[in-house]
Amino acid sequence: MSYEFHAHFPYALQDGTVQAFALQWLAGETQELPKRWGDLRLLRDPTARLAVLAQAMITPQLERARSGTRTQAGGYRLWVGRDAAAFLARQRTTMQQLGLEPTLPDLATLPPGAWALRLTFTLSKPYLSRDDRLFHLLENPVKKEWVFDVPYIAPSGWKGALRAALRQMRGYTTLEQEANDSQMVRLFGNVKGEEEAFHAGFVQFFPTFFDRLGLEVINPHDREKGVGARGPILLECVPAGAQGALMLLYVPTGTAVDAQQSADDLVVVAQGIQAMLSTYGFGAKTSSGFGIAADDLVDGEIRIATQTLSLKGKRLSNLAAEVEHWLKTAL
């Protein structure tokens, strides 16, 4: 059963004194185990400790477990600020050693007209998302990879964000407008509900992993009274300054495309990526300014046939123009 772990470490069933001492150990505030709960020594992984601490959500210890006290940082907030970066760096290193982080494939093995893009960016505004795990101390944990617990953007998240950016750029307000756009269908597949002649789309996305965590505090206000409706809310995020790599692959399947059509699709995708990362945002609460990348690109490349365009040191605001200019000489 999925709850056996929590049944073996029933934090919520301990008395208040044990909960208070266990909280400090689980959050890394102290190295001293609670004397009346020695089984906790079996929890060697930080994610396992935090999973047990998540049971505080149904106890009077909740706010203490989230952020400590008014005079002293503690709980999950202390772990995020002090220990999360080192933990996530170790996790990312392990993933890389196991070959679990994506790399661009050899285009020679793919159909004619295929191209690939990798773009390493820096967040200028925090990235927010929503995880789907059952227990967490915060109401809004950022989405994480299930095994290594590393914050990430799923391929489906990138696809939805880029598709939405292109919809806004083209002024589409209905699904019917997109369904009648052959290029949008070619890139992303059929619009939901259009089941006839199903097409998955030529653009395939890879996950993006981050090695930093942060916390944002928001205080929603009552529109009529103009005061905080429920008090400050902690949101887990990937903070500004974190770097990630957006990777995608364009593979014509089921129908042949000529070099010009492939190039046209690349330019449109570059325009969409530029707008998505710098204007519309990606993730949650984009209307509030979250999920925006800095203009200076860290690294990256675009491959088409035997040609490669380096994106290192380029500007995001010039991405589409750079690609369009390069294609004139590359084709």
Foldseek 3Di string as FASTA:
>chain_A
DVCVLCVVLVLVPDDPVQNVQLLCCLFVVDVDHDPVCVVCVVPPDNVSSQQNLLNCLPPPCLVCQCFNDPVDGTHNQCCQVPPQLVLLVVLVVVCVVVVNADDDDDCVVADALKKKKKFKFFFQFWFFAADDDDTHSAPGEAHADDPSRFHKQAQVQVLVLLLVLLCVVVVPDDLVVLQPDVLSCQAAWHDPPPPPPTDRHQKTWHMKTWSHKHKDWDFDADPVVRHGPPDIGIHITRGGGIMIMTIMMGGDPPDDDDNVSSLVSVLSSLVSVLCAQAPQAGHPPSVVPHHHTAQFICWMWMDHDPDIDIRHRPTSNCRSVVSVVVVVVVD
